[in-house]
Protein backbone atom coordinates (compact mmCIF):
# COMPACT_ATOMS: atom_id res chain seq x y z
CA MET A 1 -2.69 -32.46 14.79
CA LYS A 2 -5.35 -29.82 14.13
CA LYS A 3 -3.12 -28.10 11.56
CA PHE A 4 -2.40 -31.42 9.86
CA LEU A 5 -6.11 -32.19 9.50
CA LYS A 6 -6.74 -28.73 8.07
CA VAL A 7 -4.01 -29.18 5.44
CA LEU A 8 -5.29 -32.69 4.66
CA GLY A 9 -8.79 -31.28 4.14
CA ILE A 10 -7.49 -28.60 1.78
CA ILE A 11 -5.54 -31.17 -0.25
CA ALA A 12 -8.58 -33.50 -0.43
CA SER A 13 -10.77 -30.60 -1.61
CA TRP A 14 -8.24 -29.67 -4.28
CA VAL A 15 -8.03 -33.28 -5.51
CA LEU A 16 -11.83 -33.46 -5.76
CA VAL A 17 -12.01 -30.17 -7.70
CA THR A 18 -9.17 -31.31 -10.00
CA VAL A 19 -10.90 -34.63 -10.74
CA LEU A 20 -14.25 -32.96 -11.49
CA PHE A 21 -12.92 -29.81 -13.25
CA PRO A 22 -9.27 -30.29 -14.30
CA PRO A 23 -8.69 -26.73 -15.65
CA LEU A 24 -9.99 -25.20 -12.42
CA GLY A 25 -7.87 -27.52 -10.28
CA ILE A 26 -4.74 -26.69 -12.27
CA GLY A 27 -5.61 -22.98 -12.07
CA ILE A 28 -5.94 -23.19 -8.32
CA LEU A 29 -2.58 -24.95 -8.12
CA CYS A 30 -0.80 -22.47 -10.43
CA ILE A 31 -2.29 -19.29 -8.96
CA GLY A 32 -3.57 -20.11 -5.49
CA LEU A 33 -0.52 -21.95 -4.20
CA PRO A 34 2.00 -19.16 -4.97
CA VAL A 35 -0.32 -16.54 -3.45
CA TRP A 36 -0.77 -18.67 -0.33
CA VAL A 37 3.02 -19.15 -0.03
CA LEU A 38 3.62 -15.40 -0.41
CA MET A 39 1.08 -14.62 2.28
CA LYS A 40 2.78 -17.10 4.62
CA ILE A 41 6.15 -15.46 3.94
CA ILE A 42 4.73 -11.99 4.59
CA LYS A 43 3.17 -13.12 7.88
CA ASN A 44 6.41 -14.81 8.98
CA ASP A 45 8.48 -11.73 8.11
CA ASN A 46 6.11 -9.42 9.95
CA PRO A 47 5.01 -10.79 13.31
CA HIS A 48 2.49 -7.94 13.71
CA LEU A 49 0.39 -9.40 10.89
CA ALA A 50 0.43 -12.95 12.25
CA ARG A 51 -2.84 -14.22 13.71
CA LYS A 52 -1.01 -15.40 16.85
CA SER A 53 -0.02 -11.85 17.68
CA LYS A 54 -2.63 -10.62 20.12
CA ARG A 55 -0.48 -7.75 21.29
CA ARG A 56 -1.80 -4.29 20.58
CA VAL A 57 0.43 -1.34 19.86
CA VAL A 58 0.10 1.23 22.63
CA LYS A 59 2.58 3.84 21.45
CA THR A 60 5.59 4.25 19.18
CA ILE A 61 8.68 6.42 19.05
CA ILE A 62 10.72 7.11 15.92
CA LEU A 63 14.37 6.25 16.57
CA ASN A 64 15.76 7.18 13.13
CA THR A 65 15.18 7.10 9.39
CA SER A 66 17.52 5.95 6.65
CA GLN A 67 17.50 5.67 2.88
CA GLN A 68 18.49 2.55 1.01
CA ALA A 69 19.26 2.64 -2.70
CA SER A 70 17.76 -0.06 -4.86
CA VAL A 71 20.79 -1.92 -6.29
CA GLY A 72 19.10 -3.00 -9.53
CA SER A 73 17.80 0.48 -10.20
CA THR A 74 21.16 2.11 -9.43
CA VAL A 75 23.15 -0.27 -11.65
CA GLY A 76 20.66 0.01 -14.51
CA ARG A 77 20.69 3.79 -14.42
CA ALA A 78 24.50 3.83 -14.28
CA VAL A 79 24.72 1.61 -17.37
CA VAL A 80 22.27 3.80 -19.31
CA GLY A 81 24.06 6.96 -18.13
CA ASP A 82 27.40 5.52 -19.26
CA PHE A 83 25.95 4.67 -22.66
CA VAL A 84 24.46 8.16 -23.13
CA ALA A 85 27.11 10.43 -21.61
CA GLY A 86 30.18 8.34 -20.76
CA GLY A 87 31.70 8.15 -17.29
CA PHE A 88 30.04 11.33 -16.05
CA GLY A 89 26.66 9.98 -17.18
CA ALA A 90 27.30 6.75 -15.27
CA VAL A 91 27.95 8.68 -12.05
CA VAL A 92 24.86 10.87 -12.50
CA GLY A 93 22.74 7.85 -13.44
CA ALA A 94 23.85 5.94 -10.35
CA MET A 95 23.07 8.93 -8.12
CA THR A 96 19.52 9.18 -9.46
CA GLY A 97 18.66 5.54 -8.61
CA LYS A 98 15.48 4.87 -6.65
CA LYS A 99 15.80 5.17 -2.91
CA LYS A 100 13.59 3.58 -0.28
CA THR A 101 13.17 5.25 3.11
CA ILE A 102 13.15 2.99 6.15
CA THR A 103 11.99 4.26 9.55
CA ARG A 104 13.10 2.56 12.75
CA PHE A 105 10.41 2.60 15.44
CA LEU A 106 10.51 1.65 19.09
CA VAL A 107 7.11 -0.01 19.57
CA PHE A 108 5.44 -0.43 22.96
CA PHE A 109 2.78 -3.14 23.31
CA ASP A 110 -0.08 -3.57 25.76
CA ASP A 111 1.66 -6.55 27.40
CA GLU A 112 4.40 -4.09 28.45
CA SER A 113 6.89 -5.52 25.96
CA GLN A 114 8.74 -3.38 23.45
CA GLU A 115 10.44 -4.03 20.18
CA VAL A 116 12.57 -2.15 17.63
CA VAL A 117 11.07 -2.50 14.16
CA ASP A 118 12.33 -1.27 10.75
CA VAL A 119 9.39 -0.30 8.52
CA PRO A 120 9.35 0.95 4.90
CA ASP A 121 7.74 4.38 4.58
CA GLY A 122 4.30 4.31 3.02
CA SER A 123 3.52 0.75 4.16
CA ILE A 124 0.37 -0.17 6.10
CA LEU A 125 2.46 -0.87 9.20
CA TYR A 126 4.15 2.54 8.84
CA GLY A 127 0.74 4.22 8.87
CA GLU A 128 -0.31 2.29 11.97
CA TYR A 129 2.88 3.21 13.81
CA VAL A 130 2.67 6.89 12.82
CA ASN A 131 -0.89 7.00 14.19
CA ARG A 132 0.44 5.74 17.53
CA LEU A 133 3.37 8.17 17.79
CA GLU A 134 4.01 9.53 21.24
CA MET A 135 4.05 13.32 21.06
CA LYS A 136 6.29 15.14 23.54
């Protein structure tokens, strides 16, 4: 019920702004709504960023790392390589596609729970987990 009233209040505020200043109301709808939706998606995909998560990371252990090639980048480079240097160029182009490194952590929380999490290198979460690495 509390969530419903909050959403109702936001909608009522937006309607008031739109009635008084139509360009601003439309701007809020066109820019604010997609940003809000993206933030919701990010929070849902990453439980550590959700407000409900009161667990604190105590320590982490790196289980493994892997590289994933970006499909769009690989295909695009292969097409350009094929155009420039034929079949050999396509192979070389595909091999030079962008790769993203993913690190798998075992994360220990203060409530004595643990979880295996895949994190892209260079992300904020990666930095937090590296700072909590258990050194042997």
